[in-house]
Structure formats: structure tokens, C-alpha cells
């Protein structure tokens, strides 16, 4: 008789702890990452700020984030200057100068292309989430489908009516690393989940799955996202009219 309340009490305490851990752990990790990033930027920028312009000179404690604010202002100012004619000329001259350096030009060109692709609003990034059979038949892996572009690989390996598409298969739990593969379009199973939901699924190792929405197709063939529901009970107007017209005249 005494073991049942004790067991239920310990179970409730465990559930309370797990609930608190689920609430506090993401907040603590996010705060730690943000604080570490601010400290990293401050350690790079603050040594180059003159002492008379730094608030740390006049205050008895360091001001966290001041270097980050200065870095954001400088980056925005550089972007404003680079958008003008004079700025574009200076940037072009610097890029031509870097282009003459054998090792540096390859690193700079690759990094510039990556940042332009990631930060641009042209929609050239991953456009959809899909599944491919990897590493063997019957085992499916989540991939991010890139936009279809004509490359030398497509010219040499494409099949008629079934082109090759570049897909990125990220690793769990770090989606920034993975494998680039070219897969036939017919071998990719496209999913309705967003890129963000796919990234959450990968980071959580399958524990955080997106909510599934059932698609209802109307008579016109247009899909509607929602949940299935039983139709309301009631008389059908067309059926009533047919029944009324089929009655014999007295």
C-alpha cells in the first residue's frame, strides 16, 4: 500500500524535472552560444577601437556587445560604400588584385560564391526536401534538393526525360556537413515539409518531426491543406429535388 504513492510521487518528480530540463536546456544553450559569439566578436574588434571612444575606459566594468555593434556599423558602412560607383571600382580593383594570387584567388572565389548563394534572396538555395535510397535499397535518407541547373555533369550523364539533380545529404546532428550527390529526378521522393522542418528533423536525430497535414483534393483537383473531417449530416438539396420531381402527379 505504501509503495504505490511513493512510486507515483517519484514519477511526478521525474516528469517535472524532464519538463523543466526541456524548457531550460534550449534557453541555456542559446544564451551560451549568443554570449560566446558576442565575446568572440568583442575580442577581435575592441583592440582596434581607440581608448577615447571605448566605454570600457570610462566605466569600471567592460561593456559586452560594444565591439559587435561597432562591427555591424562598419560592415553596413562598407556595404553602403561598395554599392556606389567609386566603391564598386575599389572592390573590382581589389578582386583583380586577388585574382592574380595563385592560392588566394581560389579560396576567395569559393568563399565569395558561397556567401553570395547563402545570403542572396534569389531563391538559388535548396528549394525542397526529399528522400533518396541510401546507403542501400530500402533505406531512405533525407536530402535537400538544389535548383535544377545545366552543368557539365548533366550534359554527360543526363538521361532523356530524367535529368540529374544535385542533392545535399546532411549528416546528423550537424547539418552543415554532408555529401553532395547527383541523383536521377525519378529516384527522388519529394516531401511537403519545409527546409527548416527538415533541418530540425536532422539536428534532433528524428526526435522532432514536423506535423503532418493531410491533403484534401476538391472536385476541381485543387489540394487543400487541412485535417480530414466527416461530412455534416443533413438532407442533400439535389437529392430532395430529384425526389420531388420523381413523385407522380395526383
C-alpha atoms as a PDB file:
ATOM      1  CA  UNK A   1       0.000   0.000   0.000  1.00  0.00           C
ATOM      2  CA  UNK A   2       2.856   2.411   0.779  1.00  0.00           C
ATOM      3  CA  UNK A   3       4.836   1.663  -2.401  1.00  0.00           C
ATOM      4  CA  UNK A   4       2.185   2.961  -4.826  1.00  0.00           C
ATOM      5  CA  UNK A   5       2.106   6.606  -3.605  1.00  0.00           C
ATOM      6  CA  UNK A   6       5.913   6.654  -3.338  1.00  0.00           C
ATOM      7  CA  UNK A   7       6.255   5.365  -6.936  1.00  0.00           C
ATOM      8  CA  UNK A   8       3.738   7.853  -8.287  1.00  0.00           C
ATOM      9  CA  UNK A   9       5.421  10.684  -6.381  1.00  0.00           C
ATOM     10  CA  UNK A  10       8.842   9.800  -7.812  1.00  0.00           C
ATOM     11  CA  UNK A  11       7.317   9.559 -11.275  1.00  0.00           C
ATOM     12  CA  UNK A  12       5.820  13.025 -10.931  1.00  0.00           C
ATOM     13  CA  UNK A  13       9.149  14.430  -9.718  1.00  0.00           C
ATOM     14  CA  UNK A  14      10.909  12.843 -12.688  1.00  0.00           C
ATOM     15  CA  UNK A  15       8.339  14.267 -15.091  1.00  0.00           C
ATOM     16  CA  UNK A  16       8.686  17.726 -13.514  1.00  0.00           C
ATOM     17  CA  UNK A  17      12.470  17.529 -13.868  1.00  0.00           C
ATOM     18  CA  UNK A  18      12.274  16.448 -17.504  1.00  0.00           C
ATOM     19  CA  UNK A  19       9.770  19.206 -18.276  1.00  0.00           C
ATOM     20  CA  UNK A  20      11.991  21.815 -16.650  1.00  0.00           C
ATOM     21  CA  UNK A  21      15.035  20.428 -18.458  1.00  0.00           C
ATOM     22  CA  UNK A  22      13.234  20.640 -21.812  1.00  0.00           C
ATOM     23  CA  UNK A  23      12.324  24.271 -21.080  1.00  0.00           C
ATOM     24  CA  UNK A  24      15.689  25.383 -19.650  1.00  0.00           C
ATOM     25  CA  UNK A  25      18.167  23.479 -21.835  1.00  0.00           C
ATOM     26  CA  UNK A  26      17.341  25.218 -25.168  1.00  0.00           C
ATOM     27  CA  UNK A  27      17.333  28.628 -23.457  1.00  0.00           C
ATOM     28  CA  UNK A  28      20.666  27.967 -21.725  1.00  0.00           C
ATOM     29  CA  UNK A  29      22.341  26.660 -24.888  1.00  0.00           C
ATOM     30  CA  UNK A  30      21.022  29.571 -26.964  1.00  0.00           C
ATOM     31  CA  UNK A  31      22.207  32.090 -24.377  1.00  0.00           C
ATOM     32  CA  UNK A  32      25.618  30.397 -24.169  1.00  0.00           C
ATOM     33  CA  UNK A  33      26.076  30.443 -27.954  1.00  0.00           C
ATOM     34  CA  UNK A  34      24.965  34.085 -28.209  1.00  0.00           C
ATOM     35  CA  UNK A  35      27.206  35.140 -25.320  1.00  0.00           C
ATOM     36  CA  UNK A  36      30.177  33.262 -26.790  1.00  0.00           C
ATOM     37  CA  UNK A  37      29.623  34.859 -30.196  1.00  0.00           C
ATOM     38  CA  UNK A  38      29.432  38.341 -28.662  1.00  0.00           C
ATOM     39  CA  UNK A  39      32.626  37.724 -26.683  1.00  0.00           C
ATOM     40  CA  UNK A  40      34.398  36.385 -29.779  1.00  0.00           C
ATOM     41  CA  UNK A  41      33.497  39.466 -31.847  1.00  0.00           C
ATOM     42  CA  UNK A  42      34.435  41.810 -28.978  1.00  0.00           C
ATOM     43  CA  UNK A  43      37.838  40.148 -28.648  1.00  0.00           C
ATOM     44  CA  UNK A  44      38.502  40.857 -32.328  1.00  0.00           C
ATOM     45  CA  UNK A  45      37.093  44.395 -32.626  1.00  0.00           C
ATOM     46  CA  UNK A  46      37.740  46.065 -29.260  1.00  0.00           C
ATOM     47  CA  UNK A  47      41.577  46.097 -29.522  1.00  0.00           C
ATOM     48  CA  UNK A  48      41.282  48.279 -32.648  1.00  0.00           C
ATOM     49  CA  UNK A  49      38.902  50.815 -31.068  1.00  0.00           C
ATOM     50  CA  UNK A  50      40.732  53.918 -29.737  1.00  0.00           C
ATOM     51  CA  UNK A  51      40.622  54.153 -25.959  1.00  0.00           C
ATOM     52  CA  UNK A  52      38.877  57.527 -26.010  1.00  0.00           C
ATOM     53  CA  UNK A  53      35.936  56.041 -27.959  1.00  0.00           C
ATOM     54  CA  UNK A  54      35.627  52.877 -25.896  1.00  0.00           C
ATOM     55  CA  UNK A  55      33.187  52.914 -22.950  1.00  0.00           C
ATOM     56  CA  UNK A  56      35.443  50.441 -21.111  1.00  0.00           C
ATOM     57  CA  UNK A  57      37.836  53.341 -20.496  1.00  0.00           C
ATOM     58  CA  UNK A  58      35.265  55.360 -18.562  1.00  0.00           C
ATOM     59  CA  UNK A  59      33.391  52.555 -16.827  1.00  0.00           C
ATOM     60  CA  UNK A  60      34.678  50.242 -14.083  1.00  0.00           C
ATOM     61  CA  UNK A  61      33.366  47.194 -15.972  1.00  0.00           C
ATOM     62  CA  UNK A  62      33.585  46.083 -19.624  1.00  0.00           C
ATOM     63  CA  UNK A  63      30.522  46.608 -21.830  1.00  0.00           C
ATOM     64  CA  UNK A  64      29.696  43.358 -23.620  1.00  0.00           C
ATOM     65  CA  UNK A  65      28.482  43.708 -27.178  1.00  0.00           C
ATOM     66  CA  UNK A  66      30.072  47.079 -27.902  1.00  0.00           C
ATOM     67  CA  UNK A  67      32.529  45.500 -30.343  1.00  0.00           C
ATOM     68  CA  UNK A  68      29.655  43.693 -32.065  1.00  0.00           C
ATOM     69  CA  UNK A  69      27.759  46.977 -32.509  1.00  0.00           C
ATOM     70  CA  UNK A  70      30.866  48.648 -33.954  1.00  0.00           C
ATOM     71  CA  UNK A  71      31.382  45.674 -36.316  1.00  0.00           C
ATOM     72  CA  UNK A  72      27.790  45.844 -37.544  1.00  0.00           C
ATOM     73  CA  UNK A  73      28.090  49.589 -38.181  1.00  0.00           C
ATOM     74  CA  UNK A  74      31.375  49.157 -40.062  1.00  0.00           C
ATOM     75  CA  UNK A  75      30.035  46.287 -42.193  1.00  0.00           C
ATOM     76  CA  UNK A  76      26.928  48.314 -43.066  1.00  0.00           C
ATOM     77  CA  UNK A  77      29.071  51.339 -43.924  1.00  0.00           C
ATOM     78  CA  UNK A  78      31.336  49.223 -46.137  1.00  0.00           C
ATOM     79  CA  UNK A  79      28.280  47.813 -47.899  1.00  0.00           C
ATOM     80  CA  UNK A  80      26.931  51.327 -48.473  1.00  0.00           C
ATOM     81  CA  UNK A  81      30.260  52.464 -49.924  1.00  0.00           C
ATOM     82  CA  UNK A  82      30.603  49.344 -52.076  1.00  0.00           C
ATOM     83  CA  UNK A  83      27.181  49.984 -53.616  1.00  0.00           C
ATOM     84  CA  UNK A  84      28.363  53.297 -55.088  1.00  0.00           C
ATOM     85  CA  UNK A  85      30.336  53.721 -58.289  1.00  0.00           C
ATOM     86  CA  UNK A  86      33.579  54.564 -56.502  1.00  0.00           C
ATOM     87  CA  UNK A  87      33.147  51.681 -54.087  1.00  0.00           C
ATOM     88  CA  UNK A  88      32.474  49.203 -56.895  1.00  0.00           C
ATOM     89  CA  UNK A  89      35.631  50.398 -58.658  1.00  0.00           C
ATOM     90  CA  UNK A  90      37.684  49.868 -55.489  1.00  0.00           C
ATOM     91  CA  UNK A  91      36.171  46.425 -54.883  1.00  0.00           C
ATOM     92  CA  UNK A  92      36.781  45.466 -58.509  1.00  0.00           C
ATOM     93  CA  UNK A  93      40.403  46.548 -58.274  1.00  0.00           C
ATOM     94  CA  UNK A  94      40.864  44.522 -55.081  1.00  0.00           C
ATOM     95  CA  UNK A  95      39.274  41.435 -56.660  1.00  0.00           C
ATOM     96  CA  UNK A  96      41.515  41.730 -59.719  1.00  0.00           C
ATOM     97  CA  UNK A  97      44.498  42.007 -57.406  1.00  0.00           C
ATOM     98  CA  UNK A  98      43.432  38.881 -55.506  1.00  0.00           C
ATOM     99  CA  UNK A  99      42.793  37.107 -58.797  1.00  0.00           C
ATOM    100  CA  UNK A 100      46.489  37.277 -59.615  1.00  0.00           C
ATOM    101  CA  UNK A 101      47.469  35.383 -56.467  1.00  0.00           C
ATOM    102  CA  UNK A 102      47.509  31.626 -57.201  1.00  0.00           C
ATOM    103  CA  UNK A 103      46.426  30.268 -53.814  1.00  0.00           C
ATOM    104  CA  UNK A 104      44.382  33.191 -52.516  1.00  0.00           C
ATOM    105  CA  UNK A 105      42.182  33.577 -55.594  1.00  0.00           C
ATOM    106  CA  UNK A 106      40.779  30.064 -55.263  1.00  0.00           C
ATOM    107  CA  UNK A 107      39.941  30.484 -51.570  1.00  0.00           C
ATOM    108  CA  UNK A 108      38.474  33.960 -52.047  1.00  0.00           C
ATOM    109  CA  UNK A 109      36.422  32.965 -55.087  1.00  0.00           C
ATOM    110  CA  UNK A 110      34.931  29.915 -53.385  1.00  0.00           C
ATOM    111  CA  UNK A 111      34.073  31.786 -50.180  1.00  0.00           C
ATOM    112  CA  UNK A 112      32.538  34.676 -52.101  1.00  0.00           C
ATOM    113  CA  UNK A 113      30.345  32.348 -54.139  1.00  0.00           C
ATOM    114  CA  UNK A 114      29.194  30.506 -51.015  1.00  0.00           C
ATOM    115  CA  UNK A 115      28.285  33.718 -49.168  1.00  0.00           C
ATOM    116  CA  UNK A 116      26.528  35.165 -52.204  1.00  0.00           C
ATOM    117  CA  UNK A 117      24.466  31.992 -52.555  1.00  0.00           C
ATOM    118  CA  UNK A 118      23.579  31.753 -48.856  1.00  0.00           C
ATOM    119  CA  UNK A 119      22.794  35.443 -48.287  1.00  0.00           C
ATOM    120  CA  UNK A 120      21.127  36.253 -51.593  1.00  0.00           C
ATOM    121  CA  UNK A 121      17.345  36.453 -51.990  1.00  0.00           C
ATOM    122  CA  UNK A 122      17.307  34.945 -55.466  1.00  0.00           C
ATOM    123  CA  UNK A 123      15.990  31.564 -54.355  1.00  0.00           C
ATOM    124  CA  UNK A 124      19.083  29.714 -55.604  1.00  0.00           C
ATOM    125  CA  UNK A 125      19.434  27.746 -52.360  1.00  0.00           C
ATOM    126  CA  UNK A 126      17.790  24.449 -51.514  1.00  0.00           C
ATOM    127  CA  UNK A 127      14.206  24.542 -52.649  1.00  0.00           C
ATOM    128  CA  UNK A 128      12.726  21.316 -51.300  1.00  0.00           C
ATOM    129  CA  UNK A 129      13.254  18.339 -49.018  1.00  0.00           C
ATOM    130  CA  UNK A 130      13.330  14.856 -50.467  1.00  0.00           C
ATOM    131  CA  UNK A 131      14.220  11.230 -49.850  1.00  0.00           C
ATOM    132  CA  UNK A 132      16.690   9.028 -51.720  1.00  0.00           C
ATOM    133  CA  UNK A 133      17.568   5.373 -51.201  1.00  0.00           C
ATOM    134  CA  UNK A 134      20.951   5.484 -49.497  1.00  0.00           C
ATOM    135  CA  UNK A 135      23.190   3.703 -48.485  1.00  0.00           C
ATOM    136  CA  UNK A 136      21.318   0.682 -49.850  1.00  0.00           C
ATOM    137  CA  UNK A 137      17.983  -0.143 -51.403  1.00  0.00           C
ATOM    138  CA  UNK A 138      15.159   0.007 -48.885  1.00  0.00           C
ATOM    139  CA  UNK A 139      16.950   2.516 -46.610  1.00  0.00           C
ATOM    140  CA  UNK A 140      15.957   6.147 -47.143  1.00  0.00           C
ATOM    141  CA  UNK A 141      17.991   9.244 -46.352  1.00  0.00           C
ATOM    142  CA  UNK A 142      16.810  12.827 -46.083  1.00  0.00           C
ATOM    143  CA  UNK A 143      18.278  15.216 -48.669  1.00  0.00           C
ATOM    144  CA  UNK A 144      17.940  18.873 -49.595  1.00  0.00           C
ATOM    145  CA  UNK A 145      17.169  19.326 -53.277  1.00  0.00           C
ATOM    146  CA  UNK A 146      19.029  22.129 -55.056  1.00  0.00           C
ATOM    147  CA  UNK A 147      17.676  24.032 -58.025  1.00  0.00           C
ATOM    148  CA  UNK A 148      17.954  22.384 -61.426  1.00  0.00           C
ATOM    149  CA  UNK A 149      20.867  23.884 -63.319  1.00  0.00           C
ATOM    150  CA  UNK A 150      22.523  22.807 -66.550  1.00  0.00           C
ATOM    151  CA  UNK A 151      26.093  21.734 -65.782  1.00  0.00           C
ATOM    152  CA  UNK A 152      28.758  19.638 -67.466  1.00  0.00           C
ATOM    153  CA  UNK A 153      27.636  16.710 -65.316  1.00  0.00           C
ATOM    154  CA  UNK A 154      24.127  16.971 -66.763  1.00  0.00           C
ATOM    155  CA  UNK A 155      25.447  17.156 -70.306  1.00  0.00           C
ATOM    156  CA  UNK A 156      27.407  13.918 -69.926  1.00  0.00           C
ATOM    157  CA  UNK A 157      25.182  11.808 -67.676  1.00  0.00           C
ATOM    158  CA  UNK A 158      21.589  13.006 -68.165  1.00  0.00           C
ATOM    159  CA  UNK A 159      19.032  10.537 -69.453  1.00  0.00           C
ATOM    160  CA  UNK A 160      16.299  11.665 -71.804  1.00  0.00           C
ATOM    161  CA  UNK A 161      13.356  12.912 -69.749  1.00  0.00           C
ATOM    162  CA  UNK A 162      15.070  12.095 -66.448  1.00  0.00           C
ATOM    163  CA  UNK A 163      17.765  14.677 -65.615  1.00  0.00           C
ATOM    164  CA  UNK A 164      20.267  14.518 -62.781  1.00  0.00           C
ATOM    165  CA  UNK A 165      19.614  16.847 -59.850  1.00  0.00           C
ATOM    166  CA  UNK A 166      22.155  17.949 -57.262  1.00  0.00           C
ATOM    167  CA  UNK A 167      21.092  16.993 -53.741  1.00  0.00           C
ATOM    168  CA  UNK A 168      22.839  17.579 -50.433  1.00  0.00           C
ATOM    169  CA  UNK A 169      22.587  14.825 -47.839  1.00  0.00           C
ATOM    170  CA  UNK A 170      23.416  16.383 -44.436  1.00  0.00           C
ATOM    171  CA  UNK A 171      24.842  14.470 -41.502  1.00  0.00           C
ATOM    172  CA  UNK A 172      23.177  14.115 -38.105  1.00  0.00           C
ATOM    173  CA  UNK A 173      23.289  16.094 -35.832  1.00  0.00           C
ATOM    174  CA  UNK A 174      25.421  18.646 -37.732  1.00  0.00           C
ATOM    175  CA  UNK A 175      23.595  19.587 -40.969  1.00  0.00           C
ATOM    176  CA  UNK A 176      26.460  21.801 -42.166  1.00  0.00           C
ATOM    177  CA  UNK A 177      28.457  18.724 -43.194  1.00  0.00           C
ATOM    178  CA  UNK A 178      27.330  16.039 -45.572  1.00  0.00           C
ATOM    179  CA  UNK A 179      27.602  14.660 -49.084  1.00  0.00           C
ATOM    180  CA  UNK A 180      26.863  16.193 -52.479  1.00  0.00           C
ATOM    181  CA  UNK A 181      25.225  13.682 -54.812  1.00  0.00           C
ATOM    182  CA  UNK A 182      23.718  13.815 -58.286  1.00  0.00           C
ATOM    183  CA  UNK A 183      20.590  11.688 -58.374  1.00  0.00           C
ATOM    184  CA  UNK A 184      18.102  10.999 -61.139  1.00  0.00           C
ATOM    185  CA  UNK A 185      14.940  13.026 -60.738  1.00  0.00           C
ATOM    186  CA  UNK A 186      12.811   9.879 -60.818  1.00  0.00           C
ATOM    187  CA  UNK A 187      14.746   8.455 -57.830  1.00  0.00           C
ATOM    188  CA  UNK A 188      13.910  11.410 -55.551  1.00  0.00           C
ATOM    189  CA  UNK A 189      10.768  11.317 -53.408  1.00  0.00           C
ATOM    190  CA  UNK A 190       9.818  14.940 -52.795  1.00  0.00           C
ATOM    191  CA  UNK A 191       8.313  15.861 -49.415  1.00  0.00           C
ATOM    192  CA  UNK A 192       5.967  18.671 -48.386  1.00  0.00           C
ATOM    193  CA  UNK A 193       7.983  19.685 -45.304  1.00  0.00           C
ATOM    194  CA  UNK A 194       9.926  22.941 -45.364  1.00  0.00           C
ATOM    195  CA  UNK A 195      13.705  23.260 -45.299  1.00  0.00           C
ATOM    196  CA  UNK A 196      13.503  24.430 -41.671  1.00  0.00           C
ATOM    197  CA  UNK A 197      11.478  21.365 -40.670  1.00  0.00           C
ATOM    198  CA  UNK A 198      13.951  19.109 -42.452  1.00  0.00           C
ATOM    199  CA  UNK A 199      16.858  20.747 -40.620  1.00  0.00           C
ATOM    200  CA  UNK A 200      15.079  20.268 -37.277  1.00  0.00           C
ATOM    201  CA  UNK A 201      14.493  16.618 -38.095  1.00  0.00           C
ATOM    202  CA  UNK A 202      18.192  16.120 -38.848  1.00  0.00           C
ATOM    203  CA  UNK A 203      19.524  18.056 -35.845  1.00  0.00           C
ATOM    204  CA  UNK A 204      17.223  16.209 -33.453  1.00  0.00           C
ATOM    205  CA  UNK A 205      18.133  12.811 -34.987  1.00  0.00           C
ATOM    206  CA  UNK A 206      14.490  12.206 -35.855  1.00  0.00           C
ATOM    207  CA  UNK A 207      13.070  13.153 -32.462  1.00  0.00           C
ATOM    208  CA  UNK A 208      11.468  16.435 -33.608  1.00  0.00           C
ATOM    209  CA  UNK A 209       9.293  15.542 -36.586  1.00  0.00           C
ATOM    210  CA  UNK A 210       7.109  18.135 -38.375  1.00  0.00           C
ATOM    211  CA  UNK A 211       3.363  17.896 -38.093  1.00  0.00           C
ATOM    212  CA  UNK A 212       1.753  16.003 -40.960  1.00  0.00           C
ATOM    213  CA  UNK A 213      -1.091  17.767 -42.752  1.00  0.00           C
ATOM    214  CA  UNK A 214      -3.477  15.656 -44.754  1.00  0.00           C
ATOM    215  CA  UNK A 215      -4.218  16.974 -48.220  1.00  0.00           C
ATOM    216  CA  UNK A 216      -7.847  17.067 -49.299  1.00  0.00           C
ATOM    217  CA  UNK A 217      -8.465  17.225 -53.024  1.00  0.00           C
ATOM    218  CA  UNK A 218     -11.550  19.140 -54.171  1.00  0.00           C
ATOM    219  CA  UNK A 219     -13.731  18.311 -57.163  1.00  0.00           C
ATOM    220  CA  UNK A 220     -11.660  20.742 -59.239  1.00  0.00           C
ATOM    221  CA  UNK A 221      -8.480  18.841 -58.419  1.00  0.00           C
ATOM    222  CA  UNK A 222      -7.029  21.575 -56.195  1.00  0.00           C
ATOM    223  CA  UNK A 223      -5.350  20.317 -52.974  1.00  0.00           C
ATOM    224  CA  UNK A 224      -6.327  21.842 -49.624  1.00  0.00           C
ATOM    225  CA  UNK A 225      -4.064  21.508 -46.603  1.00  0.00           C
ATOM    226  CA  UNK A 226      -6.001  20.508 -43.521  1.00  0.00           C
ATOM    227  CA  UNK A 227      -7.274  17.617 -41.481  1.00  0.00           C
ATOM    228  CA  UNK A 228      -9.836  15.103 -42.611  1.00  0.00           C
ATOM    229  CA  UNK A 229     -13.317  15.504 -41.191  1.00  0.00           C
ATOM    230  CA  UNK A 230     -16.577  13.662 -41.646  1.00  0.00           C
ATOM    231  CA  UNK A 231     -19.212  15.492 -43.694  1.00  0.00           C
ATOM    232  CA  UNK A 232     -22.108  17.052 -41.842  1.00  0.00           C
ATOM    233  CA  UNK A 233     -25.271  15.044 -41.714  1.00  0.00           C
ATOM    234  CA  UNK A 234     -28.296  16.588 -43.339  1.00  0.00           C
ATOM    235  CA  UNK A 235     -30.568  16.431 -46.345  1.00  0.00           C
ATOM    236  CA  UNK A 236     -28.915  16.834 -49.722  1.00  0.00           C
ATOM    237  CA  UNK A 237     -30.618  19.579 -51.776  1.00  0.00           C
ATOM    238  CA  UNK A 238     -30.116  17.881 -55.104  1.00  0.00           C
ATOM    239  CA  UNK A 239     -31.462  14.597 -53.738  1.00  0.00           C
ATOM    240  CA  UNK A 240     -34.577  16.348 -52.392  1.00  0.00           C
ATOM    241  CA  UNK A 241     -35.247  17.999 -55.734  1.00  0.00           C
ATOM    242  CA  UNK A 242     -34.867  14.722 -57.589  1.00  0.00           C
ATOM    243  CA  UNK A 243     -37.183  13.030 -55.125  1.00  0.00           C
ATOM    244  CA  UNK A 244     -39.756  15.766 -55.521  1.00  0.00           C
ATOM    245  CA  UNK A 245     -39.642  15.650 -59.320  1.00  0.00           C
ATOM    246  CA  UNK A 246     -39.968  11.868 -59.353  1.00  0.00           C
ATOM    247  CA  UNK A 247     -43.250  11.893 -57.411  1.00  0.00           C
ATOM    248  CA  UNK A 248     -46.302  11.100 -59.572  1.00  0.00           C
ATOM    249  CA  UNK A 249     -48.807  13.881 -60.066  1.00  0.00           C
ATOM    250  CA  UNK A 250     -52.078  13.322 -58.343  1.00  0.00           C
END
